[in-house]
Amino acid sequence: MKQYYVYILECSDKSYYTGITNNIERRLVEHKLGLQKDSYTFVRRPLKLVFCTDFLDPNQAIAFEKQVKGWTRAKKEAIINDNWDKLKALAECKNETSHKGFDSAQPDDDN
């Protein structure tokens, strides 16, 4: 059965690159050699693999990659550091307009 990998690379500028592959060893070599000059990682080498997880279902791998790409740096660092339990707290809205500031629904003002 084929495996699919979602991985995160730390780039030389300390940014993160998230990708997906069905051959992690080959893909890491491709990144490190800089085979695609127009890729995000080309000018950010050297690269370091900081996270990798595998899936048997390619659709689950694709969905997880898309999810992680949309995450904040803090959420990515939580999974890099194996702190999955921090994800919920990091996902909470913390600005003043958050729904948490309201006790109940408020009526519309009909002025």
C-alpha atoms as a PDB file:
ATOM      1  CA  MET A   1       0.000   0.000   0.000  1.00  0.00           C
ATOM      2  CA  LYS A   2       1.334   3.420  -0.987  1.00  0.00           C
ATOM      3  CA  GLN A   3       2.080   6.031   1.664  1.00  0.00           C
ATOM      4  CA  TYR A   4       1.765   9.795   1.379  1.00  0.00           C
ATOM      5  CA  TYR A   5       3.725  12.246   3.479  1.00  0.00           C
ATOM      6  CA  VAL A   6       2.942  15.760   4.624  1.00  0.00           C
ATOM      7  CA  TYR A   7       6.112  17.509   5.690  1.00  0.00           C
ATOM      8  CA  ILE A   8       7.373  20.851   6.938  1.00  0.00           C
ATOM      9  CA  LEU A   9      10.796  22.212   6.084  1.00  0.00           C
ATOM     10  CA  GLU A  10      12.490  24.978   8.012  1.00  0.00           C
ATOM     11  CA  CYS A  11      14.229  27.265   5.541  1.00  0.00           C
ATOM     12  CA  SER A  12      17.453  29.206   6.089  1.00  0.00           C
ATOM     13  CA  ASP A  13      15.405  32.403   6.627  1.00  0.00           C
ATOM     14  CA  LYS A  14      13.464  30.581   9.408  1.00  0.00           C
ATOM     15  CA  SER A  15      10.276  30.438   7.331  1.00  0.00           C
ATOM     16  CA  TYR A  16       8.401  27.165   6.924  1.00  0.00           C
ATOM     17  CA  TYR A  17       7.483  25.325   3.753  1.00  0.00           C
ATOM     18  CA  THR A  18       4.733  22.693   3.853  1.00  0.00           C
ATOM     19  CA  GLY A  19       4.525  20.036   1.165  1.00  0.00           C
ATOM     20  CA  ILE A  20       3.181  16.622   0.237  1.00  0.00           C
ATOM     21  CA  THR A  21       4.834  13.684  -1.494  1.00  0.00           C
ATOM     22  CA  ASN A  22       4.632   9.937  -1.948  1.00  0.00           C
ATOM     23  CA  ASN A  23       8.418   9.569  -1.612  1.00  0.00           C
ATOM     24  CA  ILE A  24       9.866  11.650   1.205  1.00  0.00           C
ATOM     25  CA  GLU A  25      13.516  10.725   0.603  1.00  0.00           C
ATOM     26  CA  ARG A  26      13.363  11.656  -3.091  1.00  0.00           C
ATOM     27  CA  ARG A  27      11.477  14.883  -2.369  1.00  0.00           C
ATOM     28  CA  LEU A  28      13.993  16.015   0.252  1.00  0.00           C
ATOM     29  CA  VAL A  29      16.845  15.463  -2.191  1.00  0.00           C
ATOM     30  CA  GLU A  30      14.975  17.475  -4.835  1.00  0.00           C
ATOM     31  CA  HIS A  31      14.496  20.356  -2.392  1.00  0.00           C
ATOM     32  CA  LYS A  32      18.092  20.270  -1.191  1.00  0.00           C
ATOM     33  CA  LEU A  33      19.521  20.176  -4.731  1.00  0.00           C
ATOM     34  CA  GLY A  34      17.269  23.033  -5.822  1.00  0.00           C
ATOM     35  CA  LEU A  35      15.985  21.350  -8.963  1.00  0.00           C
ATOM     36  CA  GLN A  36      13.173  23.882  -9.390  1.00  0.00           C
ATOM     37  CA  LYS A  37      14.683  27.359  -9.562  1.00  0.00           C
ATOM     38  CA  ASP A  38      11.272  29.060  -9.293  1.00  0.00           C
ATOM     39  CA  SER A  39      10.230  27.168  -6.151  1.00  0.00           C
ATOM     40  CA  TYR A  40       9.812  28.819  -2.738  1.00  0.00           C
ATOM     41  CA  THR A  41      12.649  26.816  -1.218  1.00  0.00           C
ATOM     42  CA  PHE A  42      15.249  27.408  -3.954  1.00  0.00           C
ATOM     43  CA  VAL A  43      16.626  30.682  -2.544  1.00  0.00           C
ATOM     44  CA  ARG A  44      15.997  29.595   1.059  1.00  0.00           C
ATOM     45  CA  ARG A  45      18.404  26.668   1.187  1.00  0.00           C
ATOM     46  CA  PRO A  46      19.770  24.987   3.222  1.00  0.00           C
ATOM     47  CA  LEU A  47      16.602  23.312   4.421  1.00  0.00           C
ATOM     48  CA  LYS A  48      15.880  21.183   7.454  1.00  0.00           C
ATOM     49  CA  LEU A  49      13.072  18.646   7.768  1.00  0.00           C
ATOM     50  CA  VAL A  50      11.280  19.530  11.021  1.00  0.00           C
ATOM     51  CA  PHE A  51       8.008  17.600  10.685  1.00  0.00           C
ATOM     52  CA  CYS A  52       6.736  14.625   8.738  1.00  0.00           C
ATOM     53  CA  THR A  53       3.623  12.493   9.077  1.00  0.00           C
ATOM     54  CA  ASP A  54       2.291   9.768   6.833  1.00  0.00           C
ATOM     55  CA  PHE A  55      -1.111   8.822   5.460  1.00  0.00           C
ATOM     56  CA  LEU A  56      -2.434   5.823   3.561  1.00  0.00           C
ATOM     57  CA  ASP A  57      -5.287   7.810   2.017  1.00  0.00           C
ATOM     58  CA  PRO A  58      -4.077  10.455  -0.463  1.00  0.00           C
ATOM     59  CA  ASN A  59      -7.213  12.548   0.075  1.00  0.00           C
ATOM     60  CA  GLN A  60      -6.517  12.768   3.811  1.00  0.00           C
ATOM     61  CA  ALA A  61      -2.919  13.768   3.098  1.00  0.00           C
ATOM     62  CA  ILE A  62      -4.027  16.483   0.651  1.00  0.00           C
ATOM     63  CA  ALA A  63      -6.619  17.806   3.112  1.00  0.00           C
ATOM     64  CA  PHE A  64      -4.069  17.911   5.953  1.00  0.00           C
ATOM     65  CA  GLU A  65      -1.474  19.674   3.798  1.00  0.00           C
ATOM     66  CA  LYS A  66      -4.014  22.356   2.825  1.00  0.00           C
ATOM     67  CA  GLN A  67      -5.031  22.760   6.459  1.00  0.00           C
ATOM     68  CA  VAL A  68      -1.448  23.162   7.678  1.00  0.00           C
ATOM     69  CA  LYS A  69      -0.608  25.632   4.896  1.00  0.00           C
ATOM     70  CA  GLY A  70      -3.350  27.883   6.263  1.00  0.00           C
ATOM     71  CA  TRP A  71      -2.113  27.726   9.835  1.00  0.00           C
ATOM     72  CA  THR A  72      -0.214  30.375  11.733  1.00  0.00           C
ATOM     73  CA  ARG A  73       3.448  29.934  12.523  1.00  0.00           C
ATOM     74  CA  ALA A  74       2.508  29.172  16.150  1.00  0.00           C
ATOM     75  CA  LYS A  75       0.238  26.297  15.140  1.00  0.00           C
ATOM     76  CA  LYS A  76       2.903  24.856  12.825  1.00  0.00           C
ATOM     77  CA  GLU A  77       5.450  25.072  15.633  1.00  0.00           C
ATOM     78  CA  ALA A  78       3.040  23.288  17.966  1.00  0.00           C
ATOM     79  CA  ILE A  79       2.967  20.191  15.740  1.00  0.00           C
ATOM     80  CA  ILE A  80       6.690  20.471  14.969  1.00  0.00           C
ATOM     81  CA  ASN A  81       7.277  20.289  18.733  1.00  0.00           C
ATOM     82  CA  ASP A  82       4.695  17.499  19.135  1.00  0.00           C
ATOM     83  CA  ASN A  83       2.368  19.757  21.146  1.00  0.00           C
ATOM     84  CA  TRP A  84      -0.864  18.781  19.399  1.00  0.00           C
ATOM     85  CA  ASP A  85      -2.831  19.667  22.535  1.00  0.00           C
ATOM     86  CA  LYS A  86      -1.987  23.371  22.009  1.00  0.00           C
ATOM     87  CA  LEU A  87      -3.791  23.571  18.651  1.00  0.00           C
ATOM     88  CA  LYS A  88      -7.229  24.288  20.116  1.00  0.00           C
ATOM     89  CA  ALA A  89      -6.003  27.196  22.231  1.00  0.00           C
ATOM     90  CA  LEU A  90      -3.991  28.598  19.312  1.00  0.00           C
ATOM     91  CA  ALA A  91      -7.091  28.486  17.107  1.00  0.00           C
ATOM     92  CA  GLU A  92      -9.207  30.615  19.439  1.00  0.00           C
ATOM     93  CA  CYS A  93     -10.034  34.161  18.387  1.00  0.00           C
ATOM     94  CA  LYS A  94      -8.433  36.631  20.768  1.00  0.00           C
ATOM     95  CA  ASN A  95      -9.504  40.022  19.396  1.00  0.00           C
ATOM     96  CA  GLU A  96     -12.033  42.363  21.003  1.00  0.00           C
ATOM     97  CA  THR A  97     -14.775  41.603  18.497  1.00  0.00           C
ATOM     98  CA  SER A  98     -14.718  37.903  19.310  1.00  0.00           C
ATOM     99  CA  HIS A  99     -18.076  36.256  19.903  1.00  0.00           C
ATOM    100  CA  LYS A 100     -16.824  35.338  23.377  1.00  0.00           C
ATOM    101  CA  GLY A 101     -17.434  38.905  24.539  1.00  0.00           C
ATOM    102  CA  PHE A 102     -21.210  38.496  24.232  1.00  0.00           C
ATOM    103  CA  ASP A 103     -23.428  36.728  26.751  1.00  0.00           C
ATOM    104  CA  SER A 104     -26.312  36.290  24.327  1.00  0.00           C
ATOM    105  CA  ALA A 105     -27.667  37.456  21.009  1.00  0.00           C
ATOM    106  CA  GLN A 106     -28.476  41.162  20.910  1.00  0.00           C
ATOM    107  CA  PRO A 107     -31.560  42.641  19.193  1.00  0.00           C
ATOM    108  CA  ASP A 108     -31.106  44.708  16.047  1.00  0.00           C
ATOM    109  CA  ASP A 109     -31.335  48.486  16.464  1.00  0.00           C
ATOM    110  CA  ASP A 110     -34.256  49.650  14.289  1.00  0.00           C
ATOM    111  CA  ASN A 111     -33.494  53.390  14.288  1.00  0.00           C
END
